[in-house]
Amino acid sequence: QVQLVESGGGLVQAVDSLRLSCASSGRTFSRYYMRWFRQAPGKDREFVAAIRWIPGNTYYADSVKGRFTISRDNANNTVYLQMNSLKPEDTAVYYCNARSLGGILYWGKGTLVTVYS
């Protein structure tokens, strides 16, 4: 069983930055496909960013491209989301997601990011 715990959310002003962390208990973390999703109030959960076990392979939603950076530290079983130039529309609960080689999905409980103008 894999447990994911997000941290780093908070209340920030527009154009500020935040770094989210997602710590995993998985023993084979380095092989997981890691993603960040977010869900704004009244909206569906949406994809934000992803990183394969090869750290160079990253993917971003168009809405965050150039502002957010996903990275991973396999030695510490942690994935990060560096968020720069935050906008009020980035306000959401951010969820960490892991997909194992067998296709099993794991979710964290989320961390709230609130951006005010």
C-alpha atoms as a PDB file:
ATOM      1  CA  GLN A   1       0.000   0.000   0.000  1.00  0.00           C
ATOM      2  CA  VAL A   2       1.294   3.432  -0.949  1.00  0.00           C
ATOM      3  CA  GLN A   3       0.515   6.520   1.084  1.00  0.00           C
ATOM      4  CA  LEU A   4       0.933  10.001  -0.327  1.00  0.00           C
ATOM      5  CA  VAL A   5       1.051  13.084   1.879  1.00  0.00           C
ATOM      6  CA  GLU A   6       0.983  16.545   0.352  1.00  0.00           C
ATOM      7  CA  SER A   7       2.246  19.662   2.090  1.00  0.00           C
ATOM      8  CA  GLY A   8       3.200  23.233   1.322  1.00  0.00           C
ATOM      9  CA  GLY A   9      -0.144  24.783   0.510  1.00  0.00           C
ATOM     10  CA  GLY A  10      -1.205  28.118   1.917  1.00  0.00           C
ATOM     11  CA  LEU A  11      -2.542  31.596   1.336  1.00  0.00           C
ATOM     12  CA  VAL A  12      -0.432  33.745  -0.969  1.00  0.00           C
ATOM     13  CA  GLN A  13      -0.769  36.887  -2.992  1.00  0.00           C
ATOM     14  CA  ALA A  14      -0.828  36.828  -6.768  1.00  0.00           C
ATOM     15  CA  VAL A  15       2.644  36.651  -8.417  1.00  0.00           C
ATOM     16  CA  ASP A  16       4.063  34.991  -5.293  1.00  0.00           C
ATOM     17  CA  SER A  17       5.467  31.461  -5.284  1.00  0.00           C
ATOM     18  CA  LEU A  18       4.841  28.229  -3.404  1.00  0.00           C
ATOM     19  CA  ARG A  19       6.451  24.815  -3.447  1.00  0.00           C
ATOM     20  CA  LEU A  20       4.296  21.801  -2.835  1.00  0.00           C
ATOM     21  CA  SER A  21       5.728  18.509  -1.672  1.00  0.00           C
ATOM     22  CA  CYS A  22       4.349  15.001  -1.882  1.00  0.00           C
ATOM     23  CA  ALA A  23       5.991  12.377   0.276  1.00  0.00           C
ATOM     24  CA  SER A  24       5.442   8.727  -0.582  1.00  0.00           C
ATOM     25  CA  SER A  25       5.758   5.621   1.482  1.00  0.00           C
ATOM     26  CA  GLY A  26       6.191   3.373  -1.564  1.00  0.00           C
ATOM     27  CA  ARG A  27       9.256   1.168  -1.694  1.00  0.00           C
ATOM     28  CA  THR A  28       9.431   1.389  -5.474  1.00  0.00           C
ATOM     29  CA  PHE A  29       8.777   5.107  -5.695  1.00  0.00           C
ATOM     30  CA  SER A  30      11.385   5.635  -8.380  1.00  0.00           C
ATOM     31  CA  ARG A  31       9.256   3.578 -10.789  1.00  0.00           C
ATOM     32  CA  TYR A  32       5.995   5.440 -10.185  1.00  0.00           C
ATOM     33  CA  TYR A  33       4.534   7.855 -12.681  1.00  0.00           C
ATOM     34  CA  MET A  34       3.859  10.890 -10.514  1.00  0.00           C
ATOM     35  CA  ARG A  35       1.304  13.574 -11.239  1.00  0.00           C
ATOM     36  CA  TRP A  36      -0.241  16.642  -9.672  1.00  0.00           C
ATOM     37  CA  PHE A  37      -3.901  17.425 -10.130  1.00  0.00           C
ATOM     38  CA  ARG A  38      -6.008  20.243  -8.752  1.00  0.00           C
ATOM     39  CA  GLN A  39      -9.650  20.879  -8.070  1.00  0.00           C
ATOM     40  CA  ALA A  40     -11.071  24.360  -7.773  1.00  0.00           C
ATOM     41  CA  PRO A  41     -14.372  25.004  -5.982  1.00  0.00           C
ATOM     42  CA  GLY A  42     -17.272  23.870  -8.138  1.00  0.00           C
ATOM     43  CA  LYS A  43     -15.029  22.443 -10.844  1.00  0.00           C
ATOM     44  CA  ASP A  44     -13.787  19.027 -11.892  1.00  0.00           C
ATOM     45  CA  ARG A  45     -10.374  17.781 -10.917  1.00  0.00           C
ATOM     46  CA  GLU A  46      -7.844  18.660 -13.623  1.00  0.00           C
ATOM     47  CA  PHE A  47      -4.362  17.586 -14.570  1.00  0.00           C
ATOM     48  CA  VAL A  48      -1.545  19.980 -13.692  1.00  0.00           C
ATOM     49  CA  ALA A  49       1.811  18.267 -14.219  1.00  0.00           C
ATOM     50  CA  ALA A  50       3.461  14.869 -14.497  1.00  0.00           C
ATOM     51  CA  ILE A  51       6.908  13.344 -14.287  1.00  0.00           C
ATOM     52  CA  ARG A  52       8.033   9.887 -15.307  1.00  0.00           C
ATOM     53  CA  TRP A  53      10.602   7.873 -13.427  1.00  0.00           C
ATOM     54  CA  ILE A  54      13.179   9.366 -15.757  1.00  0.00           C
ATOM     55  CA  PRO A  55      13.238  12.877 -14.302  1.00  0.00           C
ATOM     56  CA  GLY A  56      13.716  14.553 -17.637  1.00  0.00           C
ATOM     57  CA  ASN A  57      10.314  13.516 -18.909  1.00  0.00           C
ATOM     58  CA  THR A  58       7.849  16.103 -17.677  1.00  0.00           C
ATOM     59  CA  TYR A  59       4.438  17.223 -18.883  1.00  0.00           C
ATOM     60  CA  TYR A  60       2.317  20.258 -18.051  1.00  0.00           C
ATOM     61  CA  ALA A  61      -1.147  21.591 -18.566  1.00  0.00           C
ATOM     62  CA  ASP A  62      -1.145  24.595 -20.863  1.00  0.00           C
ATOM     63  CA  SER A  63      -2.488  26.776 -18.058  1.00  0.00           C
ATOM     64  CA  VAL A  64       0.639  26.277 -15.929  1.00  0.00           C
ATOM     65  CA  LYS A  65       3.338  25.797 -18.561  1.00  0.00           C
ATOM     66  CA  GLY A  66       6.227  28.169 -17.963  1.00  0.00           C
ATOM     67  CA  ARG A  67       5.129  28.931 -14.392  1.00  0.00           C
ATOM     68  CA  PHE A  68       5.105  25.540 -12.647  1.00  0.00           C
ATOM     69  CA  THR A  69       7.905  22.994 -12.456  1.00  0.00           C
ATOM     70  CA  ILE A  70       7.543  19.380 -11.352  1.00  0.00           C
ATOM     71  CA  SER A  71      10.541  17.505 -10.018  1.00  0.00           C
ATOM     72  CA  ARG A  72      11.278  14.398  -7.997  1.00  0.00           C
ATOM     73  CA  ASP A  73      13.790  13.180  -5.476  1.00  0.00           C
ATOM     74  CA  ASN A  74      13.777   9.402  -5.728  1.00  0.00           C
ATOM     75  CA  ALA A  75      16.226   9.021  -2.852  1.00  0.00           C
ATOM     76  CA  ASN A  76      13.721  10.701  -0.538  1.00  0.00           C
ATOM     77  CA  ASN A  77      10.530   9.388  -2.158  1.00  0.00           C
ATOM     78  CA  THR A  78       9.284  12.914  -2.775  1.00  0.00           C
ATOM     79  CA  VAL A  79       7.849  14.810  -5.705  1.00  0.00           C
ATOM     80  CA  TYR A  80       7.650  18.591  -5.799  1.00  0.00           C
ATOM     81  CA  LEU A  81       5.636  21.217  -7.594  1.00  0.00           C
ATOM     82  CA  GLN A  82       7.296  24.617  -7.739  1.00  0.00           C
ATOM     83  CA  MET A  83       4.637  27.198  -8.521  1.00  0.00           C
ATOM     84  CA  ASN A  84       5.753  30.662  -9.593  1.00  0.00           C
ATOM     85  CA  SER A  85       3.807  33.710 -10.735  1.00  0.00           C
ATOM     86  CA  LEU A  86       0.689  32.406  -9.064  1.00  0.00           C
ATOM     87  CA  LYS A  87      -2.686  33.700 -10.197  1.00  0.00           C
ATOM     88  CA  PRO A  88      -6.055  33.763  -8.418  1.00  0.00           C
ATOM     89  CA  GLU A  89      -7.257  31.113 -10.889  1.00  0.00           C
ATOM     90  CA  ASP A  90      -4.630  28.735  -9.481  1.00  0.00           C
ATOM     91  CA  THR A  91      -6.665  28.579  -6.279  1.00  0.00           C
ATOM     92  CA  ALA A  92      -7.558  24.936  -5.699  1.00  0.00           C
ATOM     93  CA  VAL A  93      -6.902  21.857  -3.651  1.00  0.00           C
ATOM     94  CA  TYR A  94      -3.803  20.230  -5.118  1.00  0.00           C
ATOM     95  CA  TYR A  95      -3.586  16.454  -5.136  1.00  0.00           C
ATOM     96  CA  CYS A  96      -0.640  14.176  -5.615  1.00  0.00           C
ATOM     97  CA  ASN A  97      -1.184  11.028  -7.664  1.00  0.00           C
ATOM     98  CA  ALA A  98       1.016   7.994  -8.168  1.00  0.00           C
ATOM     99  CA  ARG A  99       0.568   5.291 -10.772  1.00  0.00           C
ATOM    100  CA  SER A 100       2.429   2.048 -10.280  1.00  0.00           C
ATOM    101  CA  LEU A 101       3.887  -0.044 -13.081  1.00  0.00           C
ATOM    102  CA  GLY A 102       0.835  -2.277 -12.707  1.00  0.00           C
ATOM    103  CA  GLY A 103      -1.507   0.647 -13.282  1.00  0.00           C
ATOM    104  CA  ILE A 104      -2.716   1.046  -9.720  1.00  0.00           C
ATOM    105  CA  LEU A 105      -3.537   4.629  -8.800  1.00  0.00           C
ATOM    106  CA  TYR A 106      -2.921   6.211  -5.427  1.00  0.00           C
ATOM    107  CA  TRP A 107      -4.094   9.617  -4.242  1.00  0.00           C
ATOM    108  CA  GLY A 108      -3.139  11.933  -1.431  1.00  0.00           C
ATOM    109  CA  LYS A 109      -5.683  13.904   0.564  1.00  0.00           C
ATOM    110  CA  GLY A 110      -4.670  17.212  -0.972  1.00  0.00           C
ATOM    111  CA  THR A 111      -3.306  20.550   0.130  1.00  0.00           C
ATOM    112  CA  LEU A 112      -5.146  23.837  -0.304  1.00  0.00           C
ATOM    113  CA  VAL A 113      -3.614  26.698  -2.261  1.00  0.00           C
ATOM    114  CA  THR A 114      -5.388  30.042  -2.132  1.00  0.00           C
ATOM    115  CA  VAL A 115      -4.158  32.939  -4.246  1.00  0.00           C
ATOM    116  CA  TYR A 116      -5.584  36.413  -3.704  1.00  0.00           C
ATOM    117  CA  SER A 117      -5.170  39.477  -5.870  1.00  0.00           C
END
